[in-house]
PDB file of N, CA and C in Angstrom:
ATOM      1  N   MET A   1     -40.227  16.229  -3.540  1.00  0.00           N
ATOM      2  CA  MET A   1     -38.805  15.309  -3.377  1.00  0.00           C
ATOM      3  C   MET A   1     -38.005  16.826  -2.629  1.00  0.00           C
ATOM      4  N   THR A   2     -37.197  16.038  -1.553  1.00  0.00           N
ATOM      5  CA  THR A   2     -36.080  17.584  -1.176  1.00  0.00           C
ATOM      6  C   THR A   2     -34.757  17.226  -1.877  1.00  0.00           C
ATOM      7  N   GLU A   3     -34.061  18.315  -1.934  1.00  0.00           N
ATOM      8  CA  GLU A   3     -32.864  18.234  -2.679  1.00  0.00           C
ATOM      9  C   GLU A   3     -31.316  17.735  -1.792  1.00  0.00           C
ATOM     10  N   PRO A   4     -30.607  17.239  -2.507  1.00  0.00           N
ATOM     11  CA  PRO A   4     -29.574  16.297  -1.741  1.00  0.00           C
ATOM     12  C   PRO A   4     -28.825  17.699  -1.401  1.00  0.00           C
ATOM     13  N   GLN A   5     -28.461  17.167  -0.048  1.00  0.00           N
ATOM     14  CA  GLN A   5     -27.242  18.252   0.397  1.00  0.00           C
ATOM     15  C   GLN A   5     -25.663  17.922  -0.342  1.00  0.00           C
ATOM     16  N   LEU A   6     -25.199  18.678  -1.245  1.00  0.00           N
ATOM     17  CA  LEU A   6     -23.996  18.607  -1.971  1.00  0.00           C
ATOM     18  C   LEU A   6     -23.057  19.092  -1.222  1.00  0.00           C
ATOM     19  N   ASP A   7     -22.188  18.359  -1.334  1.00  0.00           N
ATOM     20  CA  ASP A   7     -20.815  19.311  -0.412  1.00  0.00           C
ATOM     21  C   ASP A   7     -19.951  19.980  -1.451  1.00  0.00           C
ATOM     22  N   SER A   8     -19.389  20.945  -0.696  1.00  0.00           N
ATOM     23  CA  SER A   8     -18.720  22.158  -1.799  1.00  0.00           C
ATOM     24  C   SER A   8     -17.826  22.017  -2.535  1.00  0.00           C
ATOM     25  N   ILE A   9     -17.567  20.857  -2.719  1.00  0.00           N
ATOM     26  CA  ILE A   9     -16.680  20.913  -4.329  1.00  0.00           C
ATOM     27  C   ILE A   9     -17.859  20.586  -5.343  1.00  0.00           C
ATOM     28  N   VAL A  10     -18.564  19.674  -5.314  1.00  0.00           N
ATOM     29  CA  VAL A  10     -19.752  19.273  -6.014  1.00  0.00           C
ATOM     30  C   VAL A  10     -20.555  20.874  -6.489  1.00  0.00           C
ATOM     31  N   ARG A  11     -21.262  21.666  -5.347  1.00  0.00           N
ATOM     32  CA  ARG A  11     -21.056  22.954  -5.575  1.00  0.00           C
ATOM     33  C   ARG A  11     -20.362  23.820  -6.401  1.00  0.00           C
ATOM     34  N   SER A  12     -19.345  23.485  -5.908  1.00  0.00           N
ATOM     35  CA  SER A  12     -18.225  24.565  -6.946  1.00  0.00           C
ATOM     36  C   SER A  12     -18.464  23.978  -8.300  1.00  0.00           C
ATOM     37  N   VAL A  13     -17.745  23.008  -8.695  1.00  0.00           N
ATOM     38  CA  VAL A  13     -17.565  22.485 -10.045  1.00  0.00           C
ATOM     39  C   VAL A  13     -19.575  23.104 -10.497  1.00  0.00           C
ATOM     40  N   LEU A  14     -20.378  22.819 -10.353  1.00  0.00           N
ATOM     41  CA  LEU A  14     -22.013  23.230 -10.646  1.00  0.00           C
ATOM     42  C   LEU A  14     -21.704  25.026 -10.873  1.00  0.00           C
ATOM     43  N   GLN A  15     -20.872  25.641  -9.996  1.00  0.00           N
ATOM     44  CA  GLN A  15     -20.940  27.084 -10.319  1.00  0.00           C
ATOM     45  C   GLN A  15     -20.153  27.388 -12.001  1.00  0.00           C
ATOM     46  N   LYS A  16     -19.466  26.410 -11.562  1.00  0.00           N
ATOM     47  CA  LYS A  16     -18.162  26.347 -12.795  1.00  0.00           C
ATOM     48  C   LYS A  16     -19.158  26.473 -14.587  1.00  0.00           C
ATOM     49  N   PHE A  17     -20.143  24.892 -14.432  1.00  0.00           N
ATOM     50  CA  PHE A  17     -20.632  24.227 -15.203  1.00  0.00           C
ATOM     51  C   PHE A  17     -21.769  26.032 -15.508  1.00  0.00           C
ATOM     52  N   VAL A  18     -22.375  26.682 -14.882  1.00  0.00           N
ATOM     53  CA  VAL A  18     -23.273  27.580 -15.247  1.00  0.00           C
ATOM     54  C   VAL A  18     -22.036  28.662 -15.424  1.00  0.00           C
ATOM     55  N   ASN A  19     -21.598  29.303 -14.792  1.00  0.00           N
ATOM     56  CA  ASN A  19     -20.453  29.985 -15.435  1.00  0.00           C
ATOM     57  C   ASN A  19     -19.975  29.943 -16.601  1.00  0.00           C
ATOM     58  N   ARG A  20     -19.435  28.736 -17.339  1.00  0.00           N
ATOM     59  CA  ARG A  20     -18.864  28.353 -18.407  1.00  0.00           C
ATOM     60  C   ARG A  20     -20.330  28.725 -19.241  1.00  0.00           C
ATOM     61  N   ALA A  21     -20.963  28.154 -19.621  1.00  0.00           N
ATOM     62  CA  ALA A  21     -22.381  28.389 -19.937  1.00  0.00           C
ATOM     63  C   ALA A  21     -22.787  29.764 -20.161  1.00  0.00           C
ATOM     64  N   THR A  22     -22.807  30.273 -19.505  1.00  0.00           N
ATOM     65  CA  THR A  22     -22.797  31.653 -19.539  1.00  0.00           C
ATOM     66  C   THR A  22     -21.753  31.898 -20.355  1.00  0.00           C
ATOM     67  N   PHE A  23     -20.629  32.349 -20.364  1.00  0.00           N
ATOM     68  CA  PHE A  23     -19.220  32.901 -20.901  1.00  0.00           C
ATOM     69  C   PHE A  23     -19.744  32.115 -22.468  1.00  0.00           C
ATOM     70  N   GLY A  24     -19.551  30.963 -22.293  1.00  0.00           N
ATOM     71  CA  GLY A  24     -19.974  30.205 -24.285  1.00  0.00           C
ATOM     72  C   GLY A  24     -20.851  31.133 -24.672  1.00  0.00           C
ATOM     73  N   LYS A  25     -22.739  30.916 -24.173  1.00  0.00           N
ATOM     74  CA  LYS A  25     -23.537  31.943 -24.634  1.00  0.00           C
ATOM     75  C   LYS A  25     -23.466  33.600 -25.164  1.00  0.00           C
ATOM     76  N   GLN A  26     -22.898  34.095 -24.534  1.00  0.00           N
ATOM     77  CA  GLN A  26     -22.106  35.390 -24.320  1.00  0.00           C
ATOM     78  C   GLN A  26     -21.348  35.687 -25.523  1.00  0.00           C
ATOM     79  N   LYS A  27     -20.224  34.996 -25.600  1.00  0.00           N
ATOM     80  CA  LYS A  27     -19.388  34.980 -26.587  1.00  0.00           C
ATOM     81  C   LYS A  27     -19.493  34.570 -27.737  1.00  0.00           C
ATOM     82  N   TYR A  28     -20.472  32.952 -27.809  1.00  0.00           N
ATOM     83  CA  TYR A  28     -20.404  32.577 -29.333  1.00  0.00           C
ATOM     84  C   TYR A  28     -21.872  33.142 -29.773  1.00  0.00           C
ATOM     85  N   GLY A  29     -22.977  33.525 -28.997  1.00  0.00           N
ATOM     86  CA  GLY A  29     -24.270  33.258 -28.948  1.00  0.00           C
ATOM     87  C   GLY A  29     -25.297  32.487 -29.665  1.00  0.00           C
ATOM     88  N   THR A  30     -24.712  31.217 -28.984  1.00  0.00           N
ATOM     89  CA  THR A  30     -25.218  29.829 -28.603  1.00  0.00           C
ATOM     90  C   THR A  30     -24.983  29.094 -27.570  1.00  0.00           C
ATOM     91  N   ASP A  31     -25.693  27.918 -27.982  1.00  0.00           N
ATOM     92  CA  ASP A  31     -25.232  27.191 -26.927  1.00  0.00           C
ATOM     93  C   ASP A  31     -25.655  25.767 -26.974  1.00  0.00           C
ATOM     94  N   LEU A  32     -25.397  24.344 -26.178  1.00  0.00           N
ATOM     95  CA  LEU A  32     -25.273  23.454 -27.104  1.00  0.00           C
ATOM     96  C   LEU A  32     -26.779  23.210 -27.095  1.00  0.00           C
ATOM     97  N   ASP A  33     -28.010  23.887 -27.115  1.00  0.00           N
ATOM     98  CA  ASP A  33     -28.846  23.140 -27.806  1.00  0.00           C
ATOM     99  C   ASP A  33     -29.335  23.360 -29.384  1.00  0.00           C
ATOM    100  N   ARG A  34     -27.848  24.369 -30.066  1.00  0.00           N
ATOM    101  CA  ARG A  34     -27.638  24.120 -31.145  1.00  0.00           C
ATOM    102  C   ARG A  34     -28.138  23.313 -32.252  1.00  0.00           C
ATOM    103  N   GLN A  35     -28.959  23.790 -33.353  1.00  0.00           N
ATOM    104  CA  GLN A  35     -28.800  22.597 -34.023  1.00  0.00           C
ATOM    105  C   GLN A  35     -27.897  22.733 -35.454  1.00  0.00           C
ATOM    106  N   ASP A  36     -27.032  23.390 -35.789  1.00  0.00           N
ATOM    107  CA  ASP A  36     -26.367  23.493 -37.178  1.00  0.00           C
ATOM    108  C   ASP A  36     -25.362  22.102 -37.024  1.00  0.00           C
ATOM    109  N   LEU A  37     -24.781  22.079 -35.507  1.00  0.00           N
ATOM    110  CA  LEU A  37     -23.626  20.813 -36.037  1.00  0.00           C
ATOM    111  C   LEU A  37     -24.233  19.496 -36.275  1.00  0.00           C
ATOM    112  N   GLY A  38     -23.454  18.664 -36.814  1.00  0.00           N
ATOM    113  CA  GLY A  38     -23.882  17.192 -36.912  1.00  0.00           C
ATOM    114  C   GLY A  38     -22.721  16.517 -35.999  1.00  0.00           C
ATOM    115  N   VAL A  39     -23.121  15.205 -36.262  1.00  0.00           N
ATOM    116  CA  VAL A  39     -22.677  14.500 -35.106  1.00  0.00           C
ATOM    117  C   VAL A  39     -20.993  14.599 -35.395  1.00  0.00           C
ATOM    118  N   LEU A  40     -20.489  14.614 -36.188  1.00  0.00           N
ATOM    119  CA  LEU A  40     -19.170  14.473 -36.541  1.00  0.00           C
ATOM    120  C   LEU A  40     -18.591  15.786 -35.992  1.00  0.00           C
ATOM    121  N   ASP A  41     -19.056  17.306 -36.353  1.00  0.00           N
ATOM    122  CA  ASP A  41     -19.001  18.458 -35.703  1.00  0.00           C
ATOM    123  C   ASP A  41     -18.630  17.982 -34.451  1.00  0.00           C
ATOM    124  N   TRP A  42     -19.420  17.411 -33.462  1.00  0.00           N
ATOM    125  CA  TRP A  42     -19.401  17.367 -31.692  1.00  0.00           C
ATOM    126  C   TRP A  42     -18.338  16.687 -31.773  1.00  0.00           C
ATOM    127  N   ILE A  43     -18.303  15.746 -32.557  1.00  0.00           N
ATOM    128  CA  ILE A  43     -16.845  14.831 -32.113  1.00  0.00           C
ATOM    129  C   ILE A  43     -15.556  15.723 -32.138  1.00  0.00           C
ATOM    130  N   GLN A  44     -15.594  16.194 -33.488  1.00  0.00           N
ATOM    131  CA  GLN A  44     -14.333  16.731 -33.738  1.00  0.00           C
ATOM    132  C   GLN A  44     -14.408  18.158 -32.602  1.00  0.00           C
ATOM    133  N   HIS A  45     -15.428  19.125 -32.078  1.00  0.00           N
ATOM    134  CA  HIS A  45     -15.428  19.882 -31.297  1.00  0.00           C
ATOM    135  C   HIS A  45     -14.656  18.803 -29.964  1.00  0.00           C
ATOM    136  N   ALA A  46     -15.259  17.959 -29.064  1.00  0.00           N
ATOM    137  CA  ALA A  46     -15.004  16.575 -28.289  1.00  0.00           C
ATOM    138  C   ALA A  46     -13.487  16.793 -28.288  1.00  0.00           C
ATOM    139  N   GLN A  47     -12.760  15.815 -29.234  1.00  0.00           N
ATOM    140  CA  GLN A  47     -11.401  15.900 -29.887  1.00  0.00           C
ATOM    141  C   GLN A  47     -10.751  17.371 -29.188  1.00  0.00           C
ATOM    142  N   GLU A  48     -11.025  18.363 -30.174  1.00  0.00           N
ATOM    143  CA  GLU A  48     -10.539  19.171 -29.851  1.00  0.00           C
ATOM    144  C   GLU A  48     -10.405  20.299 -28.345  1.00  0.00           C
ATOM    145  N   GLU A  49     -11.213  19.957 -27.764  1.00  0.00           N
ATOM    146  CA  GLU A  49     -11.230  19.991 -26.593  1.00  0.00           C
ATOM    147  C   GLU A  49     -10.221  19.302 -25.450  1.00  0.00           C
ATOM    148  N   HIS A  50     -10.328  17.784 -25.840  1.00  0.00           N
ATOM    149  CA  HIS A  50      -9.771  16.997 -24.729  1.00  0.00           C
ATOM    150  C   HIS A  50      -7.973  17.111 -25.123  1.00  0.00           C
ATOM    151  N   MET A  51      -7.820  17.465 -26.732  1.00  0.00           N
ATOM    152  CA  MET A  51      -6.300  17.551 -26.682  1.00  0.00           C
ATOM    153  C   MET A  51      -5.673  18.980 -26.567  1.00  0.00           C
ATOM    154  N   ASP A  52      -6.597  19.871 -26.048  1.00  0.00           N
ATOM    155  CA  ASP A  52      -6.146  21.157 -25.306  1.00  0.00           C
ATOM    156  C   ASP A  52      -6.181  20.196 -23.945  1.00  0.00           C
ATOM    157  N   ALA A  53      -6.959  19.442 -23.223  1.00  0.00           N
ATOM    158  CA  ALA A  53      -6.714  19.176 -21.538  1.00  0.00           C
ATOM    159  C   ALA A  53      -5.327  18.703 -21.382  1.00  0.00           C
ATOM    160  N   ILE A  54      -5.246  17.622 -22.704  1.00  0.00           N
ATOM    161  CA  ILE A  54      -4.088  16.590 -22.211  1.00  0.00           C
ATOM    162  C   ILE A  54      -2.727  18.048 -22.623  1.00  0.00           C
ATOM    163  N   LEU A  55      -2.712  19.029 -23.739  1.00  0.00           N
ATOM    164  CA  LEU A  55      -1.652  19.725 -23.238  1.00  0.00           C
ATOM    165  C   LEU A  55      -1.460  20.697 -21.745  1.00  0.00           C
ATOM    166  N   TYR A  56      -2.741  20.966 -21.033  1.00  0.00           N
ATOM    167  CA  TYR A  56      -2.447  21.326 -20.156  1.00  0.00           C
ATOM    168  C   TYR A  56      -2.139  20.846 -18.820  1.00  0.00           C
ATOM    169  N   LEU A  57      -2.835  19.274 -18.606  1.00  0.00           N
ATOM    170  CA  LEU A  57      -2.035  18.542 -17.830  1.00  0.00           C
ATOM    171  C   LEU A  57      -0.303  18.290 -18.433  1.00  0.00           C
ATOM    172  N   GLU A  58       0.168  18.034 -19.641  1.00  0.00           N
ATOM    173  CA  GLU A  58       1.456  17.687 -19.617  1.00  0.00           C
ATOM    174  C   GLU A  58       2.546  19.274 -19.291  1.00  0.00           C
ATOM    175  N   LYS A  59       1.967  20.482 -19.139  1.00  0.00           N
ATOM    176  CA  LYS A  59       2.043  21.725 -18.893  1.00  0.00           C
ATOM    177  C   LYS A  59       2.591  21.386 -17.310  1.00  0.00           C
ATOM    178  N   LEU A  60       1.542  21.250 -16.481  1.00  0.00           N
ATOM    179  CA  LEU A  60       1.452  21.166 -15.262  1.00  0.00           C
ATOM    180  C   LEU A  60       2.423  20.143 -14.772  1.00  0.00           C
ATOM    181  N   LYS A  61       2.344  18.721 -15.648  1.00  0.00           N
ATOM    182  CA  LYS A  61       2.901  17.976 -15.143  1.00  0.00           C
ATOM    183  C   LYS A  61       4.533  18.028 -15.068  1.00  0.00           C
ATOM    184  N   GLN A  62       5.169  19.076 -16.129  1.00  0.00           N
ATOM    185  CA  GLN A  62       6.425  19.170 -16.093  1.00  0.00           C
ATOM    186  C   GLN A  62       6.801  20.666 -15.239  1.00  0.00           C
ATOM    187  N   THR A  63       5.715  21.049 -15.218  1.00  0.00           N
ATOM    188  CA  THR A  63       5.659  22.511 -13.762  1.00  0.00           C
ATOM    189  C   THR A  63       6.252  21.895 -12.585  1.00  0.00           C
ATOM    190  N   LEU A  64       5.782  20.863 -12.054  1.00  0.00           N
ATOM    191  CA  LEU A  64       5.597  20.210 -10.605  1.00  0.00           C
ATOM    192  C   LEU A  64       6.987  19.340 -11.076  1.00  0.00           C
ATOM    193  N   ILE A  65       7.696  18.647 -12.184  1.00  0.00           N
ATOM    194  CA  ILE A  65       8.417  17.764 -11.815  1.00  0.00           C
ATOM    195  C   ILE A  65      10.104  18.623 -11.654  1.00  0.00           C
ATOM    196  N   SER A  66       9.675  20.007 -12.424  1.00  0.00           N
ATOM    197  CA  SER A  66      10.739  21.089 -12.140  1.00  0.00           C
ATOM    198  C   SER A  66      10.868  21.891 -11.211  1.00  0.00           C
ATOM    199  N   GLN A  67       9.674  22.011 -10.744  1.00  0.00           N
ATOM    200  CA  GLN A  67       9.642  22.581  -8.969  1.00  0.00           C
ATOM    201  C   GLN A  67      10.477  21.029  -8.211  1.00  0.00           C
ATOM    202  N   GLU A  68       9.643  19.919  -7.916  1.00  0.00           N
ATOM    203  CA  GLU A  68      10.209  19.041  -7.448  1.00  0.00           C
ATOM    204  C   GLU A  68      12.204  18.226  -7.699  1.00  0.00           C
ATOM    205  N   GLU A  69      12.524  19.021  -8.935  1.00  0.00           N
ATOM    206  CA  GLU A  69      13.881  18.699  -9.199  1.00  0.00           C
ATOM    207  C   GLU A  69      14.852  19.490  -8.311  1.00  0.00           C
ATOM    208  N   LEU A  70      14.179  20.760  -8.457  1.00  0.00           N
ATOM    209  CA  LEU A  70      14.671  22.212  -8.143  1.00  0.00           C
ATOM    210  C   LEU A  70      14.660  22.039  -5.969  1.00  0.00           C
ATOM    211  N   LEU A  71      13.524  21.417  -6.039  1.00  0.00           N
ATOM    212  CA  LEU A  71      13.484  20.960  -4.045  1.00  0.00           C
ATOM    213  C   LEU A  71      14.597  20.281  -3.469  1.00  0.00           C
ATOM    214  N   SER A  72      14.761  19.433  -4.638  1.00  0.00           N
ATOM    215  CA  SER A  72      15.677  18.024  -4.591  1.00  0.00           C
ATOM    216  C   SER A  72      16.954  18.797  -4.561  1.00  0.00           C
ATOM    217  N   LYS A  73      17.374  19.424  -5.368  1.00  0.00           N
ATOM    218  CA  LYS A  73      18.605  19.786  -5.443  1.00  0.00           C
ATOM    219  C   LYS A  73      18.810  21.211  -4.039  1.00  0.00           C
ATOM    220  N   LEU A  74      18.259  21.650  -3.713  1.00  0.00           N
ATOM    221  CA  LEU A  74      18.009  22.460  -2.873  1.00  0.00           C
ATOM    222  C   LEU A  74      18.032  21.630  -1.113  1.00  0.00           C
ATOM    223  N   SER A  75      17.709  20.907  -1.287  1.00  0.00           N
ATOM    224  CA  SER A  75      17.951  19.505   0.481  1.00  0.00           C
ATOM    225  C   SER A  75      18.841  19.010   0.234  1.00  0.00           C
ATOM    226  N   ARG A  76      19.585  18.872  -0.894  1.00  0.00           N
ATOM    227  CA  ARG A  76      20.378  17.996  -0.859  1.00  0.00           C
ATOM    228  C   ARG A  76      21.891  18.785  -0.078  1.00  0.00           C
ATOM    229  N   PRO A  77      22.519  18.265   1.124  1.00  0.00           N
ATOM    230  CA  PRO A  77      23.441  18.270   1.622  1.00  0.00           C
ATOM    231  C   PRO A  77      24.818  19.030   0.922  1.00  0.00           C
ATOM    232  N   SER A  78      25.689  20.039   0.652  1.00  0.00           N
ATOM    233  CA  SER A  78      26.431  20.562  -0.129  1.00  0.00           C
ATOM    234  C   SER A  78      28.030  19.206   0.160  1.00  0.00           C
ATOM    235  N   SER A  79      28.230  19.262  -0.878  1.00  0.00           N
ATOM    236  CA  SER A  79      29.386  18.448  -1.009  1.00  0.00           C
ATOM    237  C   SER A  79      30.829  19.348  -1.028  1.00  0.00           C
ATOM    238  N   THR A  80      30.496  20.621  -1.483  1.00  0.00           N
ATOM    239  CA  THR A  80      31.585  21.331  -0.718  1.00  0.00           C
ATOM    240  C   THR A  80      31.677  22.214   0.695  1.00  0.00           C
ATOM    241  N   SER A  81      30.927  21.603   1.548  1.00  0.00           N
ATOM    242  CA  SER A  81      30.705  22.313   2.863  1.00  0.00           C
ATOM    243  C   SER A  81      32.202  22.060   3.425  1.00  0.00           C
ATOM    244  N   ALA A  82      32.518  23.534   4.502  1.00  0.00           N
ATOM    245  CA  ALA A  82      33.626  23.614   5.016  1.00  0.00           C
ATOM    246  C   ALA A  82      34.407  22.480   5.830  1.00  0.00           C
ATOM    247  N   LYS A  83      35.472  21.719   6.436  1.00  0.00           N
ATOM    248  CA  LYS A  83      35.498  21.299   7.301  1.00  0.00           C
ATOM    249  C   LYS A  83      36.466  21.911   8.487  1.00  0.00           C
TER     250      LYS A  83
END
């Protein structure tokens, strides 16, 4: 069986997963094959990760809104232009 041809985005994401797994193993000394957590622990971890993701998205959203507002102000003709 031949390996599928993956586009650059998929390859990039796969490499990020490998890097994250390597980092996690080095930092925490364990990986997702660990057996010391129960289902509720895994749910808690997932909830915390998703809450962090929502915070990051909100930060990015507010940053983009601020930038758009600034650009809008800069692109408006000045109402005090000389006659």
